[in-house]
Full PDB file with SEQRES, HELIX, SHEET, SSBOND, CRYST1, ORIGX, SCALE, CONECT and MASTER records, all heavy atoms in Angstrom:
SEQRES   1 A   39  GLU LYS LEU GLU GLY TRP SER ALA HIS ALA ASP ARG ASP          
SEQRES   2 A   39  GLU LEU LEU LYS PHE ALA GLU ALA ALA LEU SER GLY PRO          
SEQRES   3 A   39  PRO ASP GLY GLY CYS LEU LYS ALA ILE PHE THR ALA ILE          
HELIX    1 AA1 ARG A   12  LEU A   23  1                                  12    
CRYST1    1.000    1.000    1.000  90.00  90.00  90.00 P 1           1          
ORIGX1      1.000000  0.000000  0.000000        0.00000                         
ORIGX2      0.000000  1.000000  0.000000        0.00000                         
ORIGX3      0.000000  0.000000  1.000000        0.00000                         
SCALE1      1.000000  0.000000  0.000000        0.00000                         
SCALE2      0.000000  1.000000  0.000000        0.00000                         
SCALE3      0.000000  0.000000  1.000000        0.00000                         
ATOM      1  N   GLU A   1    -145.065  67.480  92.396  1.00  0.00           N  
ATOM      2  CA  GLU A   1    -144.012  66.465  92.445  1.00  0.00           C  
ATOM      3  C   GLU A   1    -142.984  66.769  91.358  1.00  0.00           C  
ATOM      4  O   GLU A   1    -143.287  66.684  90.167  1.00  0.00           O  
ATOM      5  CB  GLU A   1    -144.581  65.061  92.230  1.00  0.00           C  
ATOM      6  CG  GLU A   1    -145.535  64.586  93.305  1.00  0.00           C  
ATOM      7  CD  GLU A   1    -144.811  64.162  94.586  1.00  0.00           C  
ATOM      8  OE1 GLU A   1    -143.589  64.354  94.676  1.00  0.00           O  
ATOM      9  OE2 GLU A   1    -145.492  63.647  95.494  1.00  0.00           O  
ATOM     10  N   LYS A   2    -141.790  67.161  91.767  1.00  0.00           N  
ATOM     11  CA  LYS A   2    -140.708  67.397  90.798  1.00  0.00           C  
ATOM     12  C   LYS A   2    -139.844  66.150  90.735  1.00  0.00           C  
ATOM     13  O   LYS A   2    -139.228  65.762  91.730  1.00  0.00           O  
ATOM     14  CB  LYS A   2    -139.870  68.607  91.200  1.00  0.00           C  
ATOM     15  CG  LYS A   2    -138.811  68.968  90.170  1.00  0.00           C  
ATOM     16  CD  LYS A   2    -138.042  70.214  90.582  1.00  0.00           C  
ATOM     17  CE  LYS A   2    -137.118  70.689  89.478  1.00  0.00           C  
ATOM     18  NZ  LYS A   2    -136.115  69.687  89.087  1.00  0.00           N  
ATOM     19  N   LEU A   3    -139.829  65.518  89.595  1.00  0.00           N  
ATOM     20  CA  LEU A   3    -139.086  64.276  89.422  1.00  0.00           C  
ATOM     21  C   LEU A   3    -137.856  64.537  88.567  1.00  0.00           C  
ATOM     22  O   LEU A   3    -137.957  64.995  87.420  1.00  0.00           O  
ATOM     23  CB  LEU A   3    -139.967  63.210  88.771  1.00  0.00           C  
ATOM     24  CG  LEU A   3    -141.190  62.790  89.600  1.00  0.00           C  
ATOM     25  CD1 LEU A   3    -141.997  61.745  88.853  1.00  0.00           C  
ATOM     26  CD2 LEU A   3    -140.766  62.252  90.959  1.00  0.00           C  
ATOM     27  N   GLU A   4    -136.700  64.262  89.132  1.00  0.00           N  
ATOM     28  CA  GLU A   4    -135.437  64.487  88.428  1.00  0.00           C  
ATOM     29  C   GLU A   4    -135.120  63.304  87.520  1.00  0.00           C  
ATOM     30  O   GLU A   4    -135.609  62.195  87.713  1.00  0.00           O  
ATOM     31  CB  GLU A   4    -134.299  64.665  89.439  1.00  0.00           C  
ATOM     32  CG  GLU A   4    -134.511  65.795  90.438  1.00  0.00           C  
ATOM     33  CD  GLU A   4    -134.302  67.156  89.826  1.00  0.00           C  
ATOM     34  OE1 GLU A   4    -133.919  67.229  88.644  1.00  0.00           O  
ATOM     35  OE2 GLU A   4    -134.534  68.155  90.532  1.00  0.00           O  
ATOM     36  N   GLY A   5    -134.275  63.565  86.538  1.00  0.00           N  
ATOM     37  CA  GLY A   5    -133.744  62.480  85.727  1.00  0.00           C  
ATOM     38  C   GLY A   5    -134.513  62.183  84.463  1.00  0.00           C  
ATOM     39  O   GLY A   5    -134.102  61.324  83.686  1.00  0.00           O  
ATOM     40  N   TRP A   6    -135.634  62.895  84.227  1.00  0.00           N  
ATOM     41  CA  TRP A   6    -136.429  62.615  83.036  1.00  0.00           C  
ATOM     42  C   TRP A   6    -136.047  63.514  81.874  1.00  0.00           C  
ATOM     43  O   TRP A   6    -136.595  63.384  80.775  1.00  0.00           O  
ATOM     44  CB  TRP A   6    -137.917  62.756  83.364  1.00  0.00           C  
ATOM     45  CG  TRP A   6    -138.346  61.669  84.284  1.00  0.00           C  
ATOM     46  CD1 TRP A   6    -138.405  61.719  85.649  1.00  0.00           C  
ATOM     47  CD2 TRP A   6    -138.709  60.338  83.925  1.00  0.00           C  
ATOM     48  NE1 TRP A   6    -138.791  60.505  86.154  1.00  0.00           N  
ATOM     49  CE2 TRP A   6    -138.990  59.630  85.117  1.00  0.00           C  
ATOM     50  CE3 TRP A   6    -138.823  59.666  82.719  1.00  0.00           C  
ATOM     51  CZ2 TRP A   6    -139.369  58.295  85.126  1.00  0.00           C  
ATOM     52  CZ3 TRP A   6    -139.210  58.338  82.714  1.00  0.00           C  
ATOM     53  CH2 TRP A   6    -139.481  57.675  83.910  1.00  0.00           C  
ATOM     54  N   SER A   7    -135.120  64.397  82.095  1.00  0.00           N  
ATOM     55  CA  SER A   7    -134.666  65.247  81.004  1.00  0.00           C  
ATOM     56  C   SER A   7    -133.978  64.412  79.934  1.00  0.00           C  
ATOM     57  O   SER A   7    -133.358  63.388  80.219  1.00  0.00           O  
ATOM     58  CB  SER A   7    -133.691  66.303  81.529  1.00  0.00           C  
ATOM     59  OG  SER A   7    -133.147  67.034  80.453  1.00  0.00           O  
ATOM     60  N   ALA A   8    -134.090  64.873  78.694  1.00  0.00           N  
ATOM     61  CA  ALA A   8    -133.382  64.230  77.585  1.00  0.00           C  
ATOM     62  C   ALA A   8    -131.955  64.762  77.450  1.00  0.00           C  
ATOM     63  O   ALA A   8    -131.267  64.445  76.488  1.00  0.00           O  
ATOM     64  CB  ALA A   8    -134.147  64.449  76.280  1.00  0.00           C  
ATOM     65  N   HIS A   9    -131.512  65.575  78.424  1.00  0.00           N  
ATOM     66  CA  HIS A   9    -130.153  66.132  78.411  1.00  0.00           C  
ATOM     67  C   HIS A   9    -129.232  65.330  79.334  1.00  0.00           C  
ATOM     68  O   HIS A   9    -129.632  64.921  80.426  1.00  0.00           O  
ATOM     69  CB  HIS A   9    -130.154  67.580  78.904  1.00  0.00           C  
ATOM     70  CG  HIS A   9    -130.856  68.535  77.996  1.00  0.00           C  
ATOM     71  ND1 HIS A   9    -130.196  69.301  77.072  1.00  0.00           N  
ATOM     72  CD2 HIS A   9    -132.168  68.849  77.869  1.00  0.00           C  
ATOM     73  CE1 HIS A   9    -131.062  70.058  76.433  1.00  0.00           C  
ATOM     74  NE2 HIS A   9    -132.281  69.799  76.896  1.00  0.00           N  
ATOM     75  N   ALA A  10    -127.991  65.171  78.913  1.00  0.00           N  
ATOM     76  CA  ALA A  10    -126.974  64.554  79.765  1.00  0.00           C  
ATOM     77  C   ALA A  10    -126.721  65.423  80.989  1.00  0.00           C  
ATOM     78  O   ALA A  10    -126.852  66.654  80.941  1.00  0.00           O  
ATOM     79  CB  ALA A  10    -125.674  64.382  78.976  1.00  0.00           C  
ATOM     80  N   ASP A  11    -126.349  64.782  82.108  1.00  0.00           N  
ATOM     81  CA  ASP A  11    -126.022  65.540  83.310  1.00  0.00           C  
ATOM     82  C   ASP A  11    -124.531  65.860  83.342  1.00  0.00           C  
ATOM     83  O   ASP A  11    -123.787  65.579  82.388  1.00  0.00           O  
ATOM     84  CB  ASP A  11    -126.486  64.806  84.572  1.00  0.00           C  
ATOM     85  CG  ASP A  11    -125.717  63.517  84.850  1.00  0.00           C  
ATOM     86  OD1 ASP A  11    -124.713  63.222  84.148  1.00  0.00           O  
ATOM     87  OD2 ASP A  11    -126.111  62.782  85.777  1.00  0.00           O  
ATOM     88  N   ARG A  12    -124.069  66.455  84.448  1.00  0.00           N  
ATOM     89  CA  ARG A  12    -122.699  66.982  84.478  1.00  0.00           C  
ATOM     90  C   ARG A  12    -121.654  65.883  84.299  1.00  0.00           C  
ATOM     91  O   ARG A  12    -120.638  66.089  83.627  1.00  0.00           O  
ATOM     92  CB  ARG A  12    -122.462  67.749  85.769  1.00  0.00           C  
ATOM     93  CG  ARG A  12    -122.292  66.907  86.998  1.00  0.00           C  
ATOM     94  CD  ARG A  12    -122.083  67.730  88.243  1.00  0.00           C  
ATOM     95  NE  ARG A  12    -121.621  66.878  89.326  1.00  0.00           N  
ATOM     96  CZ  ARG A  12    -121.706  67.199  90.606  1.00  0.00           C  
ATOM     97  NH1 ARG A  12    -122.237  68.355  90.952  1.00  0.00           N  
ATOM     98  NH2 ARG A  12    -121.240  66.391  91.534  1.00  0.00           N  
ATOM     99  N   ASP A  13    -121.860  64.702  84.878  1.00  0.00           N  
ATOM    100  CA  ASP A  13    -120.879  63.626  84.743  1.00  0.00           C  
ATOM    101  C   ASP A  13    -120.874  63.052  83.336  1.00  0.00           C  
ATOM    102  O   ASP A  13    -119.813  62.723  82.786  1.00  0.00           O  
ATOM    103  CB  ASP A  13    -121.160  62.520  85.764  1.00  0.00           C  
ATOM    104  CG  ASP A  13    -120.758  62.914  87.180  1.00  0.00           C  
ATOM    105  OD1 ASP A  13    -120.183  64.020  87.349  1.00  0.00           O  
ATOM    106  OD2 ASP A  13    -121.017  62.136  88.114  1.00  0.00           O  
ATOM    107  N   GLU A  14    -122.068  62.930  82.754  1.00  0.00           N  
ATOM    108  CA  GLU A  14    -122.155  62.409  81.384  1.00  0.00           C  
ATOM    109  C   GLU A  14    -121.556  63.404  80.400  1.00  0.00           C  
ATOM    110  O   GLU A  14    -120.897  63.017  79.423  1.00  0.00           O  
ATOM    111  CB  GLU A  14    -123.616  62.102  81.034  1.00  0.00           C  
ATOM    112  CG  GLU A  14    -123.805  61.214  79.820  1.00  0.00           C  
ATOM    113  CD  GLU A  14    -123.394  59.767  80.052  1.00  0.00           C  
ATOM    114  OE1 GLU A  14    -123.144  59.386  81.221  1.00  0.00           O  
ATOM    115  OE2 GLU A  14    -123.297  59.021  79.062  1.00  0.00           O  
ATOM    116  N   LEU A  15    -121.743  64.693  80.646  1.00  0.00           N  
ATOM    117  CA  LEU A  15    -121.134  65.717  79.796  1.00  0.00           C  
ATOM    118  C   LEU A  15    -119.620  65.657  79.880  1.00  0.00           C  
ATOM    119  O   LEU A  15    -118.915  65.824  78.870  1.00  0.00           O  
ATOM    120  CB  LEU A  15    -121.637  67.101  80.200  1.00  0.00           C  
ATOM    121  CG  LEU A  15    -123.101  67.411  79.874  1.00  0.00           C  
ATOM    122  CD1 LEU A  15    -123.538  68.705  80.545  1.00  0.00           C  
ATOM    123  CD2 LEU A  15    -123.328  67.490  78.369  1.00  0.00           C  
ATOM    124  N   LEU A  16    -119.106  65.409  81.073  1.00  0.00           N  
ATOM    125  CA  LEU A  16    -117.653  65.285  81.223  1.00  0.00           C  
ATOM    126  C   LEU A  16    -117.138  64.060  80.462  1.00  0.00           C  
ATOM    127  O   LEU A  16    -116.075  64.109  79.827  1.00  0.00           O  
ATOM    128  CB  LEU A  16    -117.286  65.185  82.703  1.00  0.00           C  
ATOM    129  CG  LEU A  16    -115.793  65.332  83.030  1.00  0.00           C  
ATOM    130  CD1 LEU A  16    -115.291  66.733  82.695  1.00  0.00           C  
ATOM    131  CD2 LEU A  16    -115.518  65.017  84.501  1.00  0.00           C  
ATOM    132  N   LYS A  17    -117.903  62.959  80.498  1.00  0.00           N  
ATOM    133  CA  LYS A  17    -117.530  61.769  79.720  1.00  0.00           C  
ATOM    134  C   LYS A  17    -117.519  62.075  78.229  1.00  0.00           C  
ATOM    135  O   LYS A  17    -116.643  61.615  77.494  1.00  0.00           O  
ATOM    136  CB  LYS A  17    -118.509  60.626  80.004  1.00  0.00           C  
ATOM    137  CG  LYS A  17    -118.384  59.996  81.368  1.00  0.00           C  
ATOM    138  CD  LYS A  17    -119.421  58.886  81.529  1.00  0.00           C  
ATOM    139  CE  LYS A  17    -119.430  58.328  82.946  1.00  0.00           C  
ATOM    140  NZ  LYS A  17    -120.509  57.307  83.118  1.00  0.00           N  
ATOM    141  N   PHE A  18    -118.501  62.831  77.786  1.00  0.00           N  
ATOM    142  CA  PHE A  18    -118.555  63.206  76.374  1.00  0.00           C  
ATOM    143  C   PHE A  18    -117.319  64.013  75.988  1.00  0.00           C  
ATOM    144  O   PHE A  18    -116.683  63.767  74.962  1.00  0.00           O  
ATOM    145  CB  PHE A  18    -119.825  64.014  76.094  1.00  0.00           C  
ATOM    146  CG  PHE A  18    -120.075  64.261  74.631  1.00  0.00           C  
ATOM    147  CD1 PHE A  18    -120.933  63.449  73.919  1.00  0.00           C  
ATOM    148  CD2 PHE A  18    -119.454  65.322  73.979  1.00  0.00           C  
ATOM    149  CE1 PHE A  18    -121.159  63.672  72.564  1.00  0.00           C  
ATOM    150  CE2 PHE A  18    -119.670  65.552  72.628  1.00  0.00           C  
ATOM    151  CZ  PHE A  18    -120.530  64.725  71.914  1.00  0.00           C  
ATOM    152  N   ALA A  19    -116.969  64.979  76.838  1.00  0.00           N  
ATOM    153  CA  ALA A  19    -115.779  65.795  76.571  1.00  0.00           C  
ATOM    154  C   ALA A  19    -114.516  64.944  76.562  1.00  0.00           C  
ATOM    155  O   ALA A  19    -113.640  65.106  75.701  1.00  0.00           O  
ATOM    156  CB  ALA A  19    -115.672  66.900  77.623  1.00  0.00           C  
ATOM    157  N   GLU A  20    -114.418  64.014  77.509  1.00  0.00           N  
ATOM    158  CA  GLU A  20    -113.251  63.133  77.571  1.00  0.00           C  
ATOM    159  C   GLU A  20    -113.151  62.271  76.319  1.00  0.00           C  
ATOM    160  O   GLU A  20    -112.057  62.065  75.776  1.00  0.00           O  
ATOM    161  CB  GLU A  20    -113.335  62.258  78.813  1.00  0.00           C  
ATOM    162  CG  GLU A  20    -112.107  61.391  79.031  1.00  0.00           C  
ATOM    163  CD  GLU A  20    -112.178  60.617  80.339  1.00  0.00           C  
ATOM    164  OE1 GLU A  20    -113.300  60.375  80.831  1.00  0.00           O  
ATOM    165  OE2 GLU A  20    -111.110  60.266  80.866  1.00  0.00           O  
ATOM    166  N   ALA A  21    -114.297  61.763  75.850  1.00  0.00           N  
ATOM    167  CA  ALA A  21    -114.296  60.926  74.647  1.00  0.00           C  
ATOM    168  C   ALA A  21    -113.829  61.708  73.423  1.00  0.00           C  
ATOM    169  O   ALA A  21    -113.232  61.148  72.496  1.00  0.00           O  
ATOM    170  CB  ALA A  21    -115.689  60.354  74.403  1.00  0.00           C  
ATOM    171  N   ALA A  22    -114.090  63.012  73.407  1.00  0.00           N  
ATOM    172  CA  ALA A  22    -113.661  63.840  72.282  1.00  0.00           C  
ATOM    173  C   ALA A  22    -112.148  64.018  72.246  1.00  0.00           C  
ATOM    174  O   ALA A  22    -111.579  64.391  71.214  1.00  0.00           O  
ATOM    175  CB  ALA A  22    -114.338  65.203  72.347  1.00  0.00           C  
ATOM    176  N   LEU A  23    -111.480  63.746  73.370  1.00  0.00           N  
ATOM    177  CA  LEU A  23    -110.017  63.879  73.431  1.00  0.00           C  
ATOM    178  C   LEU A  23    -109.286  62.642  72.944  1.00  0.00           C  
ATOM    179  O   LEU A  23    -108.087  62.679  72.684  1.00  0.00           O  
ATOM    180  CB  LEU A  23    -109.589  64.167  74.874  1.00  0.00           C  
ATOM    181  CG  LEU A  23    -109.972  65.532  75.429  1.00  0.00           C  
ATOM    182  CD1 LEU A  23    -109.760  65.571  76.926  1.00  0.00           C  
ATOM    183  CD2 LEU A  23    -109.171  66.629  74.739  1.00  0.00           C  
ATOM    184  N   SER A  24    -110.002  61.530  72.840  1.00  0.00           N  
ATOM    185  CA  SER A  24    -109.352  60.257  72.517  1.00  0.00           C  
ATOM    186  C   SER A  24    -109.541  59.898  71.054  1.00  0.00           C  
ATOM    187  O   SER A  24    -110.022  58.821  70.713  1.00  0.00           O  
ATOM    188  CB  SER A  24    -109.928  59.142  73.394  1.00  0.00           C  
ATOM    189  OG  SER A  24    -111.337  59.068  73.249  1.00  0.00           O  
ATOM    190  N   GLY A  25    -109.196  60.836  70.180  1.00  0.00           N  
ATOM    191  CA  GLY A  25    -109.392  60.620  68.757  1.00  0.00           C  
ATOM    192  C   GLY A  25    -108.321  59.747  68.139  1.00  0.00           C  
ATOM    193  O   GLY A  25    -107.283  59.465  68.742  1.00  0.00           O  
ATOM    194  N   PRO A  26    -108.544  59.298  66.879  1.00  0.00           N  
ATOM    195  CA  PRO A  26    -107.559  58.491  66.165  1.00  0.00           C  
ATOM    196  C   PRO A  26    -106.325  59.317  65.810  1.00  0.00           C  
ATOM    197  O   PRO A  26    -106.384  60.550  65.784  1.00  0.00           O  
ATOM    198  CB  PRO A  26    -108.319  58.056  64.904  1.00  0.00           C  
ATOM    199  CG  PRO A  26    -109.339  59.134  64.695  1.00  0.00           C  
ATOM    200  CD  PRO A  26    -109.740  59.581  66.077  1.00  0.00           C  
ATOM    201  N   PRO A  27    -105.195  58.674  65.531  1.00  0.00           N  
ATOM    202  CA  PRO A  27    -103.958  59.411  65.217  1.00  0.00           C  
ATOM    203  C   PRO A  27    -104.113  60.378  64.060  1.00  0.00           C  
ATOM    204  O   PRO A  27    -103.504  61.435  64.039  1.00  0.00           O  
ATOM    205  CB  PRO A  27    -102.962  58.290  64.874  1.00  0.00           C  
ATOM    206  CG  PRO A  27    -103.496  57.077  65.570  1.00  0.00           C  
ATOM    207  CD  PRO A  27    -104.983  57.215  65.561  1.00  0.00           C  
ATOM    208  N   ASP A  28    -104.974  60.023  63.072  1.00  0.00           N  
ATOM    209  CA  ASP A  28    -105.141  60.894  61.907  1.00  0.00           C  
ATOM    210  C   ASP A  28    -106.331  61.833  62.068  1.00  0.00           C  
ATOM    211  O   ASP A  28    -106.717  62.535  61.146  1.00  0.00           O  
ATOM    212  CB  ASP A  28    -105.313  60.062  60.633  1.00  0.00           C  
ATOM    213  CG  ASP A  28    -106.502  59.107  60.723  1.00  0.00           C  
ATOM    214  OD1 ASP A  28    -107.006  58.895  61.842  1.00  0.00           O  
ATOM    215  OD2 ASP A  28    -106.920  58.582  59.673  1.00  0.00           O  
ATOM    216  N   GLY A  29    -106.941  61.831  63.234  1.00  0.00           N  
ATOM    217  CA  GLY A  29    -108.104  62.688  63.478  1.00  0.00           C  
ATOM    218  C   GLY A  29    -107.685  64.051  63.972  1.00  0.00           C  
ATOM    219  O   GLY A  29    -106.521  64.426  63.972  1.00  0.00           O  
ATOM    220  N   GLY A  30    -108.685  64.802  64.418  1.00  0.00           N  
ATOM    221  CA  GLY A  30    -108.397  66.134  64.922  1.00  0.00           C  
ATOM    222  C   GLY A  30    -107.715  66.080  66.268  1.00  0.00           C  
ATOM    223  O   GLY A  30    -107.801  65.098  66.997  1.00  0.00           O  
ATOM    224  N   CYS A  31    -106.992  67.123  66.598  1.00  0.00           N  
ATOM    225  CA  CYS A  31    -106.375  67.243  67.912  1.00  0.00           C  
ATOM    226  C   CYS A  31    -107.128  68.344  68.654  1.00  0.00           C  
ATOM    227  O   CYS A  31    -106.953  69.530  68.347  1.00  0.00           O  
ATOM    228  CB  CYS A  31    -104.897  67.603  67.764  1.00  0.00           C  
ATOM    229  SG  CYS A  31    -104.045  67.845  69.334  1.00  0.00           S  
ATOM    230  N   LEU A  32    -107.967  67.953  69.585  1.00  0.00           N  
ATOM    231  CA  LEU A  32    -108.864  68.900  70.235  1.00  0.00           C  
ATOM    232  C   LEU A  32    -108.072  69.933  71.030  1.00  0.00           C  
ATOM    233  O   LEU A  32    -107.324  69.586  71.942  1.00  0.00           O  
ATOM    234  CB  LEU A  32    -109.828  68.144  71.145  1.00  0.00           C  
ATOM    235  CG  LEU A  32    -110.976  68.963  71.733  1.00  0.00           C  
ATOM    236  CD1 LEU A  32    -111.877  69.517  70.634  1.00  0.00           C  
ATOM    237  CD2 LEU A  32    -111.793  68.111  72.689  1.00  0.00           C  
ATOM    238  N   LYS A  33    -108.275  71.190  70.704  1.00  0.00           N  
ATOM    239  CA  LYS A  33    -107.534  72.271  71.342  1.00  0.00           C  
ATOM    240  C   LYS A  33    -108.372  73.071  72.323  1.00  0.00           C  
ATOM    241  O   LYS A  33    -107.841  73.732  73.200  1.00  0.00           O  
ATOM    242  CB  LYS A  33    -106.969  73.202  70.273  1.00  0.00           C  
ATOM    243  CG  LYS A  33    -106.010  72.493  69.327  1.00  0.00           C  
ATOM    244  CD  LYS A  33    -105.781  73.277  68.055  1.00  0.00           C  
ATOM    245  CE  LYS A  33    -105.039  72.420  67.054  1.00  0.00           C  
ATOM    246  NZ  LYS A  33    -105.849  71.274  66.583  1.00  0.00           N  
ATOM    247  N   ALA A  34    -109.691  73.044  72.144  1.00  0.00           N  
ATOM    248  CA  ALA A  34    -110.554  73.815  73.046  1.00  0.00           C  
ATOM    249  C   ALA A  34    -111.968  73.268  73.008  1.00  0.00           C  
ATOM    250  O   ALA A  34    -112.425  72.773  71.974  1.00  0.00           O  
ATOM    251  CB  ALA A  34    -110.562  75.293  72.667  1.00  0.00           C  
ATOM    252  N   ILE A  35    -112.629  73.374  74.143  1.00  0.00           N  
ATOM    253  CA  ILE A  35    -114.042  73.023  74.251  1.00  0.00           C  
ATOM    254  C   ILE A  35    -114.797  74.263  74.696  1.00  0.00           C  
ATOM    255  O   ILE A  35    -114.440  74.897  75.700  1.00  0.00           O  
ATOM    256  CB  ILE A  35    -114.267  71.872  75.251  1.00  0.00           C  
ATOM    257  CG1 ILE A  35    -113.608  70.584  74.737  1.00  0.00           C  
ATOM    258  CG2 ILE A  35    -115.767  71.649  75.492  1.00  0.00           C  
ATOM    259  CD1 ILE A  35    -113.698  69.418  75.710  1.00  0.00           C  
ATOM    260  N   PHE A  36    -115.817  74.628  73.939  1.00  0.00           N  
ATOM    261  CA  PHE A  36    -116.694  75.738  74.292  1.00  0.00           C  
ATOM    262  C   PHE A  36    -117.937  75.183  74.983  1.00  0.00           C  
ATOM    263  O   PHE A  36    -118.595  74.285  74.444  1.00  0.00           O  
ATOM    264  CB  PHE A  36    -117.124  76.503  73.040  1.00  0.00           C  
ATOM    265  CG  PHE A  36    -115.994  77.189  72.316  1.00  0.00           C  
ATOM    266  CD1 PHE A  36    -115.280  76.518  71.328  1.00  0.00           C  
ATOM    267  CD2 PHE A  36    -115.652  78.499  72.605  1.00  0.00           C  
ATOM    268  CE1 PHE A  36    -114.252  77.140  70.645  1.00  0.00           C  
ATOM    269  CE2 PHE A  36    -114.623  79.138  71.930  1.00  0.00           C  
ATOM    270  CZ  PHE A  36    -113.913  78.449  70.954  1.00  0.00           C  
ATOM    271  N   THR A  37    -118.246  75.685  76.156  1.00  0.00           N  
ATOM    272  CA  THR A  37    -119.465  75.267  76.841  1.00  0.00           C  
ATOM    273  C   THR A  37    -120.556  76.299  76.557  1.00  0.00           C  
ATOM    274  O   THR A  37    -120.438  77.455  76.939  1.00  0.00           O  
ATOM    275  CB  THR A  37    -119.239  75.116  78.355  1.00  0.00           C  
ATOM    276  OG1 THR A  37    -118.756  76.348  78.893  1.00  0.00           O  
ATOM    277  CG2 THR A  37    -118.236  74.014  78.641  1.00  0.00           C  
ATOM    278  N   ALA A  38    -121.602  75.855  75.861  1.00  0.00           N  
ATOM    279  CA  ALA A  38    -122.670  76.748  75.421  1.00  0.00           C  
ATOM    280  C   ALA A  38    -124.019  76.094  75.724  1.00  0.00           C  
ATOM    281  O   ALA A  38    -124.096  75.085  76.431  1.00  0.00           O  
ATOM    282  CB  ALA A  38    -122.520  77.047  73.929  1.00  0.00           C  
ATOM    283  N   ILE A  39    -125.089  76.680  75.204  1.00  0.00           N  
ATOM    284  CA  ILE A  39    -126.451  76.149  75.361  1.00  0.00           C  
ATOM    285  C   ILE A  39    -126.705  75.772  76.823  1.00  0.00           C  
ATOM    286  O   ILE A  39    -126.977  74.626  77.163  1.00  0.00           O  
ATOM    287  CB  ILE A  39    -126.714  74.955  74.419  1.00  0.00           C  
ATOM    288  CG1 ILE A  39    -126.271  75.288  72.989  1.00  0.00           C  
ATOM    289  CG2 ILE A  39    -128.197  74.592  74.423  1.00  0.00           C  
ATOM    290  CD1 ILE A  39    -126.440  74.142  71.998  1.00  0.00           C  
TER     291      ILE A  39                                                      
MASTER        0    0    0    1    0    0    0    6  290    1    0    3          
END                                                                             
């Protein structure tokens, strides 16, 4: 029985949300120029 969803890793949609959240920084914060997809 292979049961999906029990991984402690975010899935593709949650990863995209994480990336999107990194773009909405404060005015004095960093300005995200690139995202490296690794691991």
